[in-house]
Amino acid sequence: MISPVTIVLLVLALLTLLLSFVTIQQGTVGVTTIFGKFNRILRPGLNFKIPFIERIYKRISIQNRSAELGFQAVTIDQANVNFTAMLLYSVINNEEETIKNVAYKFVDERNFMQALVRSVEGSVRAFVATKKQSEVLILRKEIVDAVKDQLDQILEGWGYHLIDLQLNDITFDEEVIRSMAKVVASNNLKAAAENEGQALLITKTKAAEAEGNAIKISAQAEKEASQLKGQGIALFRQEVAKGMAGAAKEMQDANLDSSLILFSMWTEAVKNFAQEGKGNVIFLDGSVEGMDQTMKQMMALNQLDKNKK
């Protein structure tokens, strides 16, 4: 029969055996201590530990972790900007020194998250404080890059590294939004007025150019018409002169008085006045003396014109 002492010893041996093994889940590592001092790191899987003396101080996840942040910053022109950000981070690696930093730098996870969030907020606020409200919306990438550069150095000392930072939403206070809308509207009106003025200027310029070209063309046509008309009159006069010279020569050869030509022209002129008058009253002296006086006056004017030339 088994004695009670034997049973106690068997129980103690079984308990010791059970306490000598520990399981570490995949994606985590275990930190053990002996009498409160760091001893070693346990990897994922079944691990042996010294029973009753060695204990697991902390299990640390080496998987990626995320946190959503919401905070406010002020621009250099005193505009409040509201940010909503998503932070993705993880332990740098599972090396012993890194795990020791993660395990002992902060009292607990809550204190670590508080420091992480305040570091992100401080970096964003420091960057935004140097920019105007009109610049913030177009500097999303620059803000992220500036925050990453600062946080990577800080987190590395804690055993972590920043994988990604996303600024999901950037908004302004209602009053700022209204003022920005007014600025945009006024800029649009200004641009529209400038475009309209430019269009009107172009229209008037083109109209003036068209009118100038029309006047120029009309003047050129009038000039050419006058030249052609003058040339026609000159040719007409030359032909008349040639005809009259020929007629005078023939009458001289026939021993006739050349003044008959003038008489013929006078009567022809009177006839044309009567036919083409169209109701207008023209007084002419139809006597031979009147004709002789008119012819002398015309010949005197012609001679005066020749003398001037």
Protein backbone atom coordinates (compact mmCIF):
# COMPACT_ATOMS: atom_id res chain seq x y z
CA MET A 1 0.00 0.00 0.00
CA ILE A 2 1.29 3.48 -0.99
CA SER A 3 2.08 5.65 1.93
CA PRO A 4 0.80 9.25 2.25
CA VAL A 5 4.33 10.60 1.98
CA THR A 6 4.77 8.85 -1.34
CA ILE A 7 1.54 10.32 -2.61
CA VAL A 8 2.64 13.84 -1.56
CA LEU A 9 5.98 13.39 -3.28
CA LEU A 10 4.31 12.17 -6.44
CA VAL A 11 1.97 15.16 -6.42
CA LEU A 12 4.88 17.54 -5.90
CA ALA A 13 6.83 15.86 -8.72
CA LEU A 14 3.85 16.13 -11.07
CA LEU A 15 3.28 19.76 -10.13
CA THR A 16 6.96 20.54 -10.63
CA LEU A 17 6.85 18.88 -14.05
CA LEU A 18 3.79 20.89 -15.04
CA LEU A 19 5.36 24.17 -13.87
CA SER A 20 8.54 23.43 -15.79
CA PHE A 21 6.90 23.94 -19.21
CA VAL A 22 5.20 27.00 -20.66
CA THR A 23 3.63 27.71 -24.06
CA ILE A 24 4.27 30.99 -25.91
CA GLN A 25 1.76 31.87 -28.64
CA GLN A 26 2.86 32.63 -32.19
CA GLY A 27 3.43 36.39 -32.76
CA THR A 28 4.55 36.95 -29.14
CA VAL A 29 7.64 36.48 -27.03
CA GLY A 30 7.91 35.94 -23.29
CA VAL A 31 10.19 37.80 -20.90
CA THR A 32 11.25 35.83 -17.80
CA THR A 33 12.80 36.97 -14.53
CA ILE A 34 14.50 35.24 -11.62
CA PHE A 35 13.97 36.97 -8.29
CA GLY A 36 12.79 40.08 -10.21
CA LYS A 37 15.82 40.33 -12.49
CA PHE A 38 15.68 39.87 -16.27
CA ASN A 39 16.72 36.34 -17.20
CA ARG A 40 15.92 35.49 -20.82
CA ILE A 41 13.40 35.58 -23.69
CA LEU A 42 11.09 32.71 -24.51
CA ARG A 43 10.28 32.14 -28.19
CA PRO A 44 6.91 30.95 -29.57
CA GLY A 45 6.12 27.30 -28.83
CA LEU A 46 6.75 25.01 -25.82
CA ASN A 47 9.52 26.27 -23.54
CA PHE A 48 11.18 24.86 -20.39
CA LYS A 49 11.61 27.10 -17.37
CA ILE A 50 12.93 26.62 -13.88
CA PRO A 51 9.90 25.88 -11.71
CA PHE A 52 9.12 28.04 -8.69
CA ILE A 53 12.10 30.35 -9.37
CA GLU A 54 11.80 31.54 -12.96
CA ARG A 55 8.55 33.27 -13.84
CA ILE A 56 7.11 34.99 -16.90
CA TYR A 57 7.25 38.76 -16.35
CA LYS A 58 5.50 39.87 -19.57
CA ARG A 59 4.27 38.57 -22.88
CA ILE A 60 5.04 41.01 -25.70
CA SER A 61 3.32 41.01 -29.08
CA ILE A 62 5.62 41.50 -32.07
CA GLN A 63 2.69 41.86 -34.48
CA ASN A 64 1.66 45.13 -36.14
CA ARG A 65 -0.58 47.34 -34.01
CA SER A 66 -2.71 50.36 -34.92
CA ALA A 67 -4.16 53.31 -33.09
CA GLU A 68 -6.60 56.00 -34.19
CA LEU A 69 -5.94 59.54 -33.00
CA GLY A 70 -7.98 62.73 -32.96
CA PHE A 71 -6.45 66.07 -32.03
CA GLN A 72 -6.33 69.77 -32.89
CA ALA A 73 -3.53 72.07 -34.09
CA VAL A 74 -3.25 75.82 -34.67
CA THR A 75 -1.74 77.41 -37.80
CA ILE A 76 0.54 80.44 -37.87
CA ASP A 77 -2.47 82.63 -38.75
CA GLN A 78 -4.41 81.33 -35.72
CA ALA A 79 -6.77 78.91 -37.49
CA ASN A 80 -7.83 75.74 -35.65
CA VAL A 81 -7.29 72.55 -37.64
CA ASN A 82 -8.85 69.21 -36.59
CA PHE A 83 -6.93 66.03 -37.47
CA THR A 84 -8.00 62.40 -37.51
CA ALA A 85 -5.01 60.08 -37.93
CA MET A 86 -4.33 56.36 -38.07
CA LEU A 87 -1.01 55.14 -36.62
CA LEU A 88 0.51 51.76 -37.56
CA TYR A 89 3.53 50.56 -35.54
CA SER A 90 5.23 47.43 -34.27
CA VAL A 91 8.22 46.13 -32.29
CA ILE A 92 11.41 46.61 -34.33
CA ASN A 93 12.49 42.96 -34.02
CA ASN A 94 12.59 40.12 -31.48
CA GLU A 95 16.22 40.60 -30.50
CA GLU A 96 16.98 40.54 -26.79
CA GLU A 97 17.97 44.19 -26.44
CA THR A 98 14.89 45.34 -28.34
CA ILE A 99 12.57 43.19 -26.25
CA LYS A 100 14.17 44.48 -23.05
CA ASN A 101 13.45 48.10 -24.16
CA VAL A 102 9.83 47.23 -24.92
CA ALA A 103 9.41 45.40 -21.63
CA TYR A 104 11.05 47.89 -19.27
CA LYS A 105 10.86 51.40 -20.80
CA PHE A 106 7.27 51.93 -19.66
CA VAL A 107 5.35 50.80 -16.65
CA ASP A 108 2.50 49.43 -18.73
CA GLU A 109 0.86 49.58 -22.17
CA ARG A 110 -1.35 52.52 -21.21
CA ASN A 111 1.64 54.73 -20.40
CA PHE A 112 3.33 53.74 -23.66
CA MET A 113 0.22 54.64 -25.73
CA GLN A 114 -0.11 57.96 -23.93
CA ALA A 115 3.51 58.85 -24.78
CA LEU A 116 3.08 57.69 -28.38
CA VAL A 117 -0.10 59.71 -28.95
CA ARG A 118 1.36 62.86 -27.39
CA SER A 119 4.50 62.50 -29.51
CA VAL A 120 2.44 62.31 -32.72
CA GLU A 121 0.28 65.25 -31.70
CA GLY A 122 3.32 67.33 -30.75
CA SER A 123 5.07 66.65 -34.06
CA VAL A 124 2.00 67.56 -36.11
CA ARG A 125 1.33 70.71 -34.08
CA ALA A 126 4.93 71.86 -34.39
CA PHE A 127 4.78 71.48 -38.18
CA VAL A 128 1.34 73.07 -38.61
CA ALA A 129 2.30 76.03 -36.39
CA THR A 130 4.72 77.18 -39.14
CA LYS A 131 2.12 77.05 -41.94
CA LYS A 132 -0.89 79.09 -42.99
CA GLN A 133 -4.39 77.63 -43.06
CA SER A 134 -4.46 77.80 -46.87
CA GLU A 135 -1.33 75.60 -47.02
CA VAL A 136 -2.34 72.83 -44.63
CA LEU A 137 -4.69 70.96 -46.96
CA ILE A 138 -2.09 70.65 -49.72
CA LEU A 139 0.74 69.67 -47.33
CA ARG A 140 -0.69 66.34 -46.14
CA LYS A 141 2.30 64.34 -47.42
CA GLU A 142 4.81 66.85 -46.02
CA ILE A 143 3.16 66.65 -42.58
CA VAL A 144 3.32 62.84 -42.60
CA ASP A 145 6.98 62.84 -43.68
CA ALA A 146 7.95 65.37 -40.99
CA VAL A 147 6.18 63.38 -38.26
CA LYS A 148 7.74 60.10 -39.40
CA ASP A 149 11.24 61.56 -39.32
CA GLN A 150 10.80 62.68 -35.72
CA LEU A 151 8.89 59.66 -34.41
CA ASP A 152 11.22 57.06 -35.89
CA GLN A 153 14.08 58.34 -33.73
CA ILE A 154 11.92 58.47 -30.60
CA LEU A 155 10.29 55.08 -31.10
CA GLU A 156 13.58 53.37 -31.84
CA GLY A 157 14.72 54.13 -28.29
CA TRP A 158 11.54 52.46 -27.02
CA GLY A 159 12.03 49.34 -29.15
CA TYR A 160 9.34 50.22 -31.72
CA HIS A 161 9.28 51.64 -35.24
CA LEU A 162 6.60 53.55 -37.12
CA ILE A 163 5.26 51.63 -40.12
CA ASP A 164 2.72 54.13 -41.40
CA LEU A 165 0.92 57.31 -40.48
CA GLN A 166 -2.22 58.37 -42.34
CA LEU A 167 -4.02 61.68 -41.93
CA ASN A 168 -7.50 60.49 -42.77
CA ASP A 169 -9.31 63.76 -42.20
CA ILE A 170 -8.27 67.43 -41.98
CA THR A 171 -11.04 69.88 -41.13
CA PHE A 172 -11.33 73.46 -39.93
CA ASP A 173 -13.69 75.19 -37.54
CA GLU A 174 -17.03 76.28 -39.00
CA GLU A 175 -16.06 79.94 -38.98
CA VAL A 176 -12.80 79.23 -40.80
CA ILE A 177 -14.63 77.12 -43.38
CA ARG A 178 -17.08 79.97 -44.05
CA SER A 179 -14.26 82.50 -44.43
CA MET A 180 -12.39 80.16 -46.78
CA ALA A 181 -15.56 79.70 -48.83
CA LYS A 182 -15.89 83.49 -49.10
CA VAL A 183 -12.28 83.78 -50.23
CA VAL A 184 -12.79 81.11 -52.87
CA ALA A 185 -16.03 82.75 -54.04
CA SER A 186 -14.39 86.19 -54.24
CA ASN A 187 -11.43 84.73 -56.15
CA ASN A 188 -13.83 83.06 -58.57
CA LEU A 189 -15.71 86.33 -59.07
CA LYS A 190 -12.43 88.14 -59.61
CA ALA A 191 -11.29 85.56 -62.14
CA ALA A 192 -14.67 85.72 -63.90
CA ALA A 193 -14.51 89.53 -64.04
CA GLU A 194 -10.97 89.39 -65.41
CA ASN A 195 -11.99 86.83 -68.02
CA GLU A 196 -15.05 88.88 -68.96
CA GLY A 197 -12.96 92.05 -69.22
CA GLN A 198 -10.38 90.26 -71.31
CA ALA A 199 -13.09 88.87 -73.57
CA LEU A 200 -14.67 92.33 -73.93
CA LEU A 201 -11.27 93.83 -74.70
CA ILE A 202 -10.62 91.19 -77.33
CA THR A 203 -14.09 91.72 -78.82
CA LYS A 204 -13.65 95.49 -78.99
CA THR A 205 -10.13 95.14 -80.34
CA LYS A 206 -11.29 92.78 -83.05
CA ALA A 207 -14.24 95.05 -83.85
CA ALA A 208 -11.92 98.06 -84.07
CA GLU A 209 -9.53 96.11 -86.26
CA ALA A 210 -12.41 95.02 -88.49
CA GLU A 211 -13.74 98.58 -88.70
CA GLY A 212 -10.25 99.90 -89.43
CA ASN A 213 -9.73 97.29 -92.11
CA ALA A 214 -13.14 98.11 -93.59
CA ILE A 215 -12.30 101.83 -93.66
CA LYS A 216 -8.92 101.05 -95.14
CA ILE A 217 -10.43 98.82 -97.80
CA SER A 218 -13.15 101.39 -98.52
CA ALA A 219 -10.58 104.19 -98.77
CA GLN A 220 -8.38 102.07 -100.99
CA ALA A 221 -11.37 101.23 -103.19
CA GLU A 222 -12.40 104.88 -103.31
CA LYS A 223 -8.85 105.86 -104.17
CA GLU A 224 -8.68 103.30 -106.94
CA ALA A 225 -12.14 104.33 -108.18
CA SER A 226 -11.07 107.99 -108.22
CA GLN A 227 -7.90 107.08 -110.06
CA LEU A 228 -9.84 105.05 -112.58
CA LYS A 229 -12.42 107.81 -112.89
CA GLY A 230 -9.69 110.41 -113.42
CA GLN A 231 -7.96 108.19 -115.92
CA GLY A 232 -11.29 107.70 -117.74
CA ILE A 233 -11.98 111.43 -117.85
CA ALA A 234 -8.44 112.08 -119.03
CA LEU A 235 -8.77 109.47 -121.76
CA PHE A 236 -12.16 110.91 -122.67
CA ARG A 237 -10.69 114.36 -122.96
CA GLN A 238 -7.78 113.06 -124.98
CA GLU A 239 -10.13 111.36 -127.37
CA VAL A 240 -12.32 114.45 -127.56
CA ALA A 241 -9.25 116.55 -128.19
CA LYS A 242 -8.06 114.17 -130.88
CA GLY A 243 -11.50 114.16 -132.49
CA MET A 244 -11.80 117.93 -132.37
CA ALA A 245 -8.26 118.35 -133.72
CA GLY A 246 -9.06 115.98 -136.56
CA ALA A 247 -12.37 117.72 -137.28
CA ALA A 248 -10.75 121.15 -137.17
CA LYS A 249 -8.06 120.02 -139.58
CA GLU A 250 -10.60 118.61 -141.99
CA MET A 251 -12.68 121.83 -141.86
CA GLN A 252 -9.54 123.86 -142.40
CA ASP A 253 -8.65 121.75 -145.41
CA ALA A 254 -12.19 122.36 -146.72
CA ASN A 255 -11.86 126.13 -146.12
CA LEU A 256 -14.56 126.07 -143.45
CA ASP A 257 -14.65 128.08 -140.21
CA SER A 258 -13.63 125.89 -137.23
CA SER A 259 -15.96 127.82 -134.95
CA LEU A 260 -18.71 125.59 -136.28
CA ILE A 261 -17.30 122.88 -134.05
CA LEU A 262 -17.82 125.05 -131.00
CA PHE A 263 -21.33 125.85 -132.18
CA SER A 264 -22.06 122.17 -132.60
CA MET A 265 -20.75 121.42 -129.08
CA TRP A 266 -22.85 124.24 -127.64
CA THR A 267 -26.05 123.02 -129.21
CA GLU A 268 -25.27 119.47 -128.13
CA ALA A 269 -24.77 120.69 -124.57
CA VAL A 270 -28.09 122.56 -124.62
CA LYS A 271 -29.76 119.42 -125.89
CA ASN A 272 -28.26 117.32 -123.07
CA PHE A 273 -29.35 119.86 -120.47
CA ALA A 274 -32.90 119.60 -121.74
CA GLN A 275 -32.93 115.79 -121.81
CA GLU A 276 -31.11 115.07 -118.52
CA GLY A 277 -32.44 117.98 -116.46
CA LYS A 278 -35.13 115.90 -114.66
CA GLY A 279 -37.17 118.92 -113.56
CA ASN A 280 -34.30 121.14 -112.40
CA VAL A 281 -34.38 124.64 -113.84
CA ILE A 282 -31.18 125.79 -115.61
CA PHE A 283 -31.04 129.20 -117.25
CA LEU A 284 -28.91 129.38 -120.40
CA ASP A 285 -28.40 132.17 -122.89
CA GLY A 286 -29.18 130.43 -126.18
CA SER A 287 -28.26 133.37 -128.40
CA VAL A 288 -25.18 133.42 -130.64
CA GLU A 289 -23.72 136.22 -128.54
CA GLY A 290 -24.28 134.18 -125.36
CA MET A 291 -22.66 131.15 -126.91
CA ASP A 292 -19.69 133.27 -128.05
CA GLN A 293 -19.31 134.78 -124.58
CA THR A 294 -19.53 131.37 -122.86
CA MET A 295 -16.99 129.85 -125.25
CA LYS A 296 -14.57 132.70 -124.65
CA GLN A 297 -14.94 132.30 -120.90
CA MET A 298 -14.32 128.54 -121.15
CA MET A 299 -11.28 129.09 -123.36
CA ALA A 300 -9.95 131.70 -120.93
CA LEU A 301 -10.38 129.30 -118.00
CA ASN A 302 -8.62 126.57 -119.96
CA GLN A 303 -5.74 128.90 -120.78
CA LEU A 304 -5.50 129.95 -117.11
CA ASP A 305 -5.33 126.30 -116.08
CA LYS A 306 -2.53 125.69 -118.58
CA ASN A 307 -0.60 128.69 -117.28
CA LYS A 308 -0.87 127.39 -113.69
CA LYS A 309 0.43 124.00 -114.74
